[in-house]
Amino acid sequence: MPFKTRYVFVVSMDVEPEKEALFNEVYDTEHVPELLKVPGVLAVSRSRKQSASLAIGGGKRVIGEGEPGYIAFYEIESPDIPSSDAWSKASETGRWAEEVRPYTHNRHHAIHEITVSAP
């Protein structure tokens, strides 16, 4: 599915195994709905890494080792959205900040400008 906007804020991380169920429940039922209320946030998609291999250069290799297990893609209207007061407030709402965030690690944040989006 093509992106709806020109910018995507990509957030990736791992979570402690004993907190994974809480992580997914809070992310889906609290964190994403709160961030979708932020002006300029158009859509959110989340993904979970799967084991896979890649055929390249005449051979196959395992991919994804060391990469975070979860990624969220926030479709945003401007690169300034994640630094806004509204984003800051939404990201601290609910159980995320105190009950989930401390158990995440290997966190990465990046903003990407979409150059091609095709079905």
N, C-alpha and C. Protein backbone atom coordinates (compact mmCIF):
# COMPACT_ATOMS: atom_id res chain seq x y z
N MET A 1 0.85 -1.18 0.00
CA MET A 1 0.00 0.00 0.00
C MET A 1 0.89 1.24 0.00
N PRO A 2 0.66 2.17 -0.89
CA PRO A 2 1.48 3.38 -0.95
C PRO A 2 1.26 4.28 0.27
N PHE A 3 2.30 5.03 0.61
CA PHE A 3 2.18 6.00 1.68
C PHE A 3 1.25 7.13 1.26
N LYS A 4 0.59 7.73 2.24
CA LYS A 4 -0.37 8.81 1.99
C LYS A 4 0.29 10.19 2.03
N THR A 5 1.53 10.24 2.38
CA THR A 5 2.20 11.53 2.58
C THR A 5 3.64 11.47 2.11
N ARG A 6 4.32 12.58 2.18
CA ARG A 6 5.70 12.69 1.73
C ARG A 6 6.73 12.29 2.78
N TYR A 7 6.33 12.29 4.05
CA TYR A 7 7.29 12.02 5.13
C TYR A 7 6.81 10.86 6.00
N VAL A 8 7.78 10.04 6.41
CA VAL A 8 7.50 8.93 7.30
C VAL A 8 8.50 8.98 8.45
N PHE A 9 7.97 9.00 9.67
CA PHE A 9 8.80 8.92 10.87
C PHE A 9 8.86 7.44 11.22
N VAL A 10 10.07 6.89 11.24
CA VAL A 10 10.28 5.47 11.46
C VAL A 10 10.87 5.28 12.85
N VAL A 11 10.19 4.48 13.67
CA VAL A 11 10.63 4.21 15.04
C VAL A 11 10.80 2.70 15.16
N SER A 12 12.00 2.27 15.53
CA SER A 12 12.24 0.83 15.68
C SER A 12 12.83 0.55 17.05
N MET A 13 12.53 -0.65 17.56
CA MET A 13 13.00 -1.01 18.90
C MET A 13 12.80 -2.48 19.18
N ASP A 14 13.45 -2.93 20.22
CA ASP A 14 13.23 -4.24 20.80
C ASP A 14 12.59 -4.03 22.16
N VAL A 15 11.99 -5.09 22.68
CA VAL A 15 11.36 -5.04 24.00
C VAL A 15 11.76 -6.29 24.77
N GLU A 16 11.88 -6.15 26.07
CA GLU A 16 12.20 -7.31 26.91
C GLU A 16 11.11 -8.37 26.71
N PRO A 17 11.49 -9.63 26.52
CA PRO A 17 10.51 -10.68 26.23
C PRO A 17 9.36 -10.77 27.24
N GLU A 18 9.65 -10.56 28.51
CA GLU A 18 8.59 -10.68 29.52
C GLU A 18 7.59 -9.52 29.47
N LYS A 19 7.90 -8.47 28.72
CA LYS A 19 7.00 -7.31 28.59
C LYS A 19 6.39 -7.22 27.18
N GLU A 20 6.62 -8.21 26.34
CA GLU A 20 6.18 -8.13 24.95
C GLU A 20 4.66 -8.04 24.81
N ALA A 21 3.92 -8.81 25.58
CA ALA A 21 2.45 -8.75 25.50
C ALA A 21 1.95 -7.37 25.92
N LEU A 22 2.48 -6.83 27.00
CA LEU A 22 2.10 -5.49 27.46
C LEU A 22 2.49 -4.45 26.41
N PHE A 23 3.69 -4.55 25.86
CA PHE A 23 4.17 -3.66 24.82
C PHE A 23 3.17 -3.58 23.66
N ASN A 24 2.77 -4.73 23.14
CA ASN A 24 1.86 -4.75 21.99
C ASN A 24 0.47 -4.23 22.35
N GLU A 25 -0.02 -4.60 23.51
CA GLU A 25 -1.35 -4.14 23.93
C GLU A 25 -1.38 -2.63 24.10
N VAL A 26 -0.40 -2.07 24.81
CA VAL A 26 -0.36 -0.63 25.05
C VAL A 26 -0.09 0.12 23.74
N TYR A 27 0.82 -0.38 22.93
CA TYR A 27 1.13 0.29 21.66
C TYR A 27 -0.12 0.39 20.80
N ASP A 28 -0.85 -0.72 20.68
CA ASP A 28 -2.02 -0.76 19.79
C ASP A 28 -3.25 -0.05 20.33
N THR A 29 -3.47 -0.13 21.64
CA THR A 29 -4.72 0.40 22.20
C THR A 29 -4.60 1.79 22.82
N GLU A 30 -3.36 2.22 23.12
CA GLU A 30 -3.18 3.54 23.74
C GLU A 30 -2.23 4.44 22.95
N HIS A 31 -1.01 3.95 22.71
CA HIS A 31 0.03 4.79 22.13
C HIS A 31 -0.32 5.25 20.71
N VAL A 32 -0.66 4.32 19.85
CA VAL A 32 -1.02 4.69 18.47
C VAL A 32 -2.26 5.58 18.43
N PRO A 33 -3.35 5.24 19.13
CA PRO A 33 -4.52 6.14 19.10
C PRO A 33 -4.20 7.56 19.59
N GLU A 34 -3.36 7.70 20.61
CA GLU A 34 -3.00 9.04 21.08
C GLU A 34 -2.20 9.80 20.04
N LEU A 35 -1.23 9.14 19.41
CA LEU A 35 -0.41 9.82 18.41
C LEU A 35 -1.21 10.14 17.15
N LEU A 36 -2.23 9.36 16.84
CA LEU A 36 -3.09 9.68 15.70
C LEU A 36 -3.90 10.95 15.91
N LYS A 37 -4.03 11.40 17.16
CA LYS A 37 -4.72 12.65 17.46
C LYS A 37 -3.85 13.88 17.20
N VAL A 38 -2.54 13.67 17.04
CA VAL A 38 -1.61 14.78 16.83
C VAL A 38 -1.85 15.37 15.43
N PRO A 39 -2.05 16.68 15.35
CA PRO A 39 -2.22 17.29 14.03
C PRO A 39 -1.03 16.99 13.13
N GLY A 40 -1.33 16.53 11.91
CA GLY A 40 -0.28 16.22 10.96
C GLY A 40 0.12 14.76 10.91
N VAL A 41 -0.41 13.94 11.84
CA VAL A 41 -0.19 12.49 11.79
C VAL A 41 -1.35 11.89 11.01
N LEU A 42 -1.05 11.29 9.87
CA LEU A 42 -2.11 10.79 8.97
C LEU A 42 -2.42 9.32 9.14
N ALA A 43 -1.41 8.53 9.45
CA ALA A 43 -1.61 7.08 9.57
C ALA A 43 -0.43 6.48 10.31
N VAL A 44 -0.65 5.29 10.88
CA VAL A 44 0.40 4.56 11.56
C VAL A 44 0.29 3.09 11.15
N SER A 45 1.43 2.49 10.87
CA SER A 45 1.51 1.05 10.61
C SER A 45 2.61 0.50 11.51
N ARG A 46 2.39 -0.70 12.01
CA ARG A 46 3.42 -1.35 12.82
C ARG A 46 3.79 -2.68 12.18
N SER A 47 5.04 -3.07 12.38
CA SER A 47 5.47 -4.36 11.85
C SER A 47 6.34 -5.07 12.87
N ARG A 48 6.40 -6.39 12.71
CA ARG A 48 7.23 -7.23 13.57
C ARG A 48 8.15 -8.03 12.66
N LYS A 49 9.43 -8.05 12.97
CA LYS A 49 10.44 -8.72 12.16
C LYS A 49 10.16 -10.22 12.09
N GLN A 50 10.39 -10.78 10.91
CA GLN A 50 10.27 -12.21 10.68
C GLN A 50 11.61 -12.75 10.21
N SER A 51 11.90 -13.99 10.53
CA SER A 51 13.12 -14.62 10.04
C SER A 51 13.02 -14.80 8.54
N ALA A 52 14.10 -14.49 7.85
CA ALA A 52 14.10 -14.60 6.40
C ALA A 52 15.51 -14.66 5.87
N SER A 53 15.61 -15.02 4.59
CA SER A 53 16.90 -14.98 3.91
C SER A 53 16.73 -14.21 2.62
N LEU A 54 17.86 -13.79 2.07
CA LEU A 54 17.88 -12.99 0.86
C LEU A 54 18.80 -13.66 -0.15
N ALA A 55 18.29 -13.86 -1.37
CA ALA A 55 19.12 -14.37 -2.45
C ALA A 55 19.82 -13.19 -3.10
N ILE A 56 21.15 -13.18 -3.02
CA ILE A 56 21.92 -12.06 -3.57
C ILE A 56 23.33 -12.55 -3.93
N GLY A 57 23.82 -12.08 -5.05
CA GLY A 57 25.18 -12.43 -5.46
C GLY A 57 25.41 -13.91 -5.64
N GLY A 58 24.39 -14.64 -6.04
CA GLY A 58 24.54 -16.07 -6.27
C GLY A 58 24.41 -16.94 -5.04
N GLY A 59 24.10 -16.35 -3.90
CA GLY A 59 23.94 -17.12 -2.68
C GLY A 59 22.78 -16.60 -1.85
N LYS A 60 22.59 -17.21 -0.72
CA LYS A 60 21.55 -16.76 0.21
C LYS A 60 22.22 -16.40 1.53
N ARG A 61 21.64 -15.36 2.17
CA ARG A 61 22.14 -15.00 3.50
C ARG A 61 20.96 -14.63 4.39
N VAL A 62 21.11 -14.89 5.67
CA VAL A 62 20.10 -14.53 6.66
C VAL A 62 20.08 -13.01 6.77
N ILE A 63 18.89 -12.45 6.86
CA ILE A 63 18.78 -10.99 6.98
C ILE A 63 18.11 -10.62 8.30
N GLY A 64 18.39 -9.41 8.74
CA GLY A 64 17.73 -8.86 9.92
C GLY A 64 18.43 -9.09 11.24
N GLU A 65 19.54 -9.82 11.24
CA GLU A 65 20.23 -10.07 12.51
C GLU A 65 20.71 -8.76 13.11
N GLY A 66 20.42 -8.55 14.39
CA GLY A 66 20.83 -7.34 15.09
C GLY A 66 19.90 -6.16 14.90
N GLU A 67 19.00 -6.27 13.95
CA GLU A 67 18.04 -5.18 13.71
C GLU A 67 16.91 -5.27 14.73
N PRO A 68 16.30 -4.13 15.08
CA PRO A 68 15.18 -4.16 16.04
C PRO A 68 14.03 -5.05 15.55
N GLY A 69 13.32 -5.62 16.49
CA GLY A 69 12.23 -6.54 16.17
C GLY A 69 10.93 -5.87 15.79
N TYR A 70 10.74 -4.63 16.19
CA TYR A 70 9.49 -3.91 15.90
C TYR A 70 9.79 -2.59 15.21
N ILE A 71 8.95 -2.24 14.25
CA ILE A 71 9.05 -0.95 13.59
C ILE A 71 7.66 -0.35 13.49
N ALA A 72 7.57 0.94 13.77
CA ALA A 72 6.34 1.71 13.56
C ALA A 72 6.63 2.76 12.50
N PHE A 73 5.71 2.89 11.55
CA PHE A 73 5.81 3.87 10.48
C PHE A 73 4.71 4.90 10.68
N TYR A 74 5.10 6.12 11.01
CA TYR A 74 4.15 7.21 11.22
C TYR A 74 4.16 8.08 9.98
N GLU A 75 3.06 8.11 9.25
CA GLU A 75 2.95 8.96 8.07
C GLU A 75 2.59 10.36 8.55
N ILE A 76 3.50 11.30 8.30
CA ILE A 76 3.35 12.65 8.83
C ILE A 76 3.43 13.68 7.72
N GLU A 77 2.79 14.82 7.94
CA GLU A 77 2.76 15.87 6.94
C GLU A 77 4.04 16.69 6.87
N SER A 78 4.83 16.68 7.96
CA SER A 78 6.03 17.52 8.03
C SER A 78 7.06 16.86 8.95
N PRO A 79 8.33 17.05 8.67
CA PRO A 79 9.37 16.51 9.57
C PRO A 79 9.35 17.13 10.96
N ASP A 80 8.61 18.24 11.13
CA ASP A 80 8.54 18.90 12.42
C ASP A 80 7.55 18.26 13.39
N ILE A 81 6.70 17.39 12.92
CA ILE A 81 5.63 16.81 13.75
C ILE A 81 6.19 16.13 15.01
N PRO A 82 7.20 15.25 14.91
CA PRO A 82 7.67 14.56 16.12
C PRO A 82 8.31 15.46 17.17
N SER A 83 8.65 16.68 16.81
CA SER A 83 9.21 17.60 17.82
C SER A 83 8.17 18.60 18.32
N SER A 84 6.92 18.41 17.94
CA SER A 84 5.86 19.34 18.35
C SER A 84 5.43 19.10 19.79
N ASP A 85 4.83 20.11 20.39
CA ASP A 85 4.29 19.97 21.75
C ASP A 85 3.20 18.92 21.79
N ALA A 86 2.38 18.87 20.75
CA ALA A 86 1.28 17.89 20.70
C ALA A 86 1.83 16.47 20.68
N TRP A 87 2.90 16.24 19.91
CA TRP A 87 3.51 14.91 19.87
C TRP A 87 4.09 14.57 21.24
N SER A 88 4.79 15.51 21.83
CA SER A 88 5.41 15.29 23.14
C SER A 88 4.36 14.89 24.18
N LYS A 89 3.26 15.61 24.19
CA LYS A 89 2.18 15.31 25.15
C LYS A 89 1.58 13.94 24.88
N ALA A 90 1.28 13.64 23.61
CA ALA A 90 0.66 12.36 23.25
C ALA A 90 1.58 11.19 23.58
N SER A 91 2.88 11.36 23.37
CA SER A 91 3.80 10.25 23.60
C SER A 91 4.02 9.95 25.07
N GLU A 92 3.60 10.85 25.94
CA GLU A 92 3.73 10.64 27.38
C GLU A 92 2.41 10.22 28.04
N THR A 93 1.35 10.14 27.24
CA THR A 93 0.02 9.81 27.76
C THR A 93 -0.12 8.30 27.95
N GLY A 94 -0.88 7.92 28.97
CA GLY A 94 -1.17 6.50 29.20
C GLY A 94 -0.01 5.77 29.86
N ARG A 95 -0.01 4.46 29.68
CA ARG A 95 0.97 3.59 30.34
C ARG A 95 2.31 3.51 29.63
N TRP A 96 2.38 4.03 28.38
CA TRP A 96 3.59 3.88 27.59
C TRP A 96 4.85 4.37 28.32
N ALA A 97 4.83 5.61 28.78
CA ALA A 97 6.04 6.25 29.31
C ALA A 97 6.62 5.52 30.53
N GLU A 98 5.76 5.08 31.44
CA GLU A 98 6.27 4.50 32.68
C GLU A 98 6.28 2.98 32.70
N GLU A 99 5.31 2.34 32.03
CA GLU A 99 5.20 0.89 32.13
C GLU A 99 5.81 0.13 30.96
N VAL A 100 6.04 0.82 29.84
CA VAL A 100 6.54 0.12 28.65
C VAL A 100 7.92 0.64 28.22
N ARG A 101 8.04 1.94 28.01
CA ARG A 101 9.30 2.51 27.48
C ARG A 101 10.54 2.03 28.23
N PRO A 102 10.52 1.91 29.57
CA PRO A 102 11.74 1.47 30.27
C PRO A 102 12.21 0.06 29.86
N TYR A 103 11.34 -0.72 29.27
CA TYR A 103 11.68 -2.09 28.89
C TYR A 103 12.00 -2.23 27.40
N THR A 104 12.16 -1.10 26.73
CA THR A 104 12.55 -1.12 25.32
C THR A 104 14.03 -0.77 25.21
N HIS A 105 14.64 -1.24 24.14
CA HIS A 105 16.06 -0.96 23.89
C HIS A 105 16.33 -1.11 22.40
N ASN A 106 17.56 -0.85 22.00
CA ASN A 106 17.93 -0.89 20.59
C ASN A 106 17.00 0.01 19.78
N ARG A 107 16.71 1.18 20.34
CA ARG A 107 15.76 2.12 19.74
C ARG A 107 16.44 2.97 18.67
N HIS A 108 15.73 3.17 17.57
CA HIS A 108 16.21 4.02 16.48
C HIS A 108 15.06 4.89 16.00
N HIS A 109 15.36 6.12 15.65
CA HIS A 109 14.36 7.06 15.13
C HIS A 109 14.92 7.71 13.87
N ALA A 110 14.11 7.83 12.84
CA ALA A 110 14.54 8.49 11.61
C ALA A 110 13.33 9.03 10.86
N ILE A 111 13.55 10.11 10.16
CA ILE A 111 12.51 10.65 9.28
C ILE A 111 12.99 10.41 7.85
N HIS A 112 12.09 9.86 7.06
CA HIS A 112 12.38 9.59 5.65
C HIS A 112 11.45 10.40 4.78
N GLU A 113 12.00 10.95 3.71
CA GLU A 113 11.19 11.60 2.70
C GLU A 113 10.92 10.57 1.61
N ILE A 114 9.65 10.37 1.30
CA ILE A 114 9.26 9.40 0.29
C ILE A 114 9.59 9.95 -1.09
N THR A 115 10.33 9.19 -1.87
CA THR A 115 10.68 9.62 -3.22
C THR A 115 9.87 8.90 -4.28
N VAL A 116 9.41 7.69 -3.97
CA VAL A 116 8.53 6.93 -4.86
C VAL A 116 7.57 6.15 -3.98
N SER A 117 6.30 6.14 -4.33
CA SER A 117 5.29 5.36 -3.62
C SER A 117 4.34 4.79 -4.67
N ALA A 118 4.45 3.49 -4.92
CA ALA A 118 3.65 2.87 -5.97
C ALA A 118 2.92 1.65 -5.39
N PRO A 119 1.77 1.35 -5.93
CA PRO A 119 1.06 0.15 -5.45
C PRO A 119 1.79 -1.14 -5.78
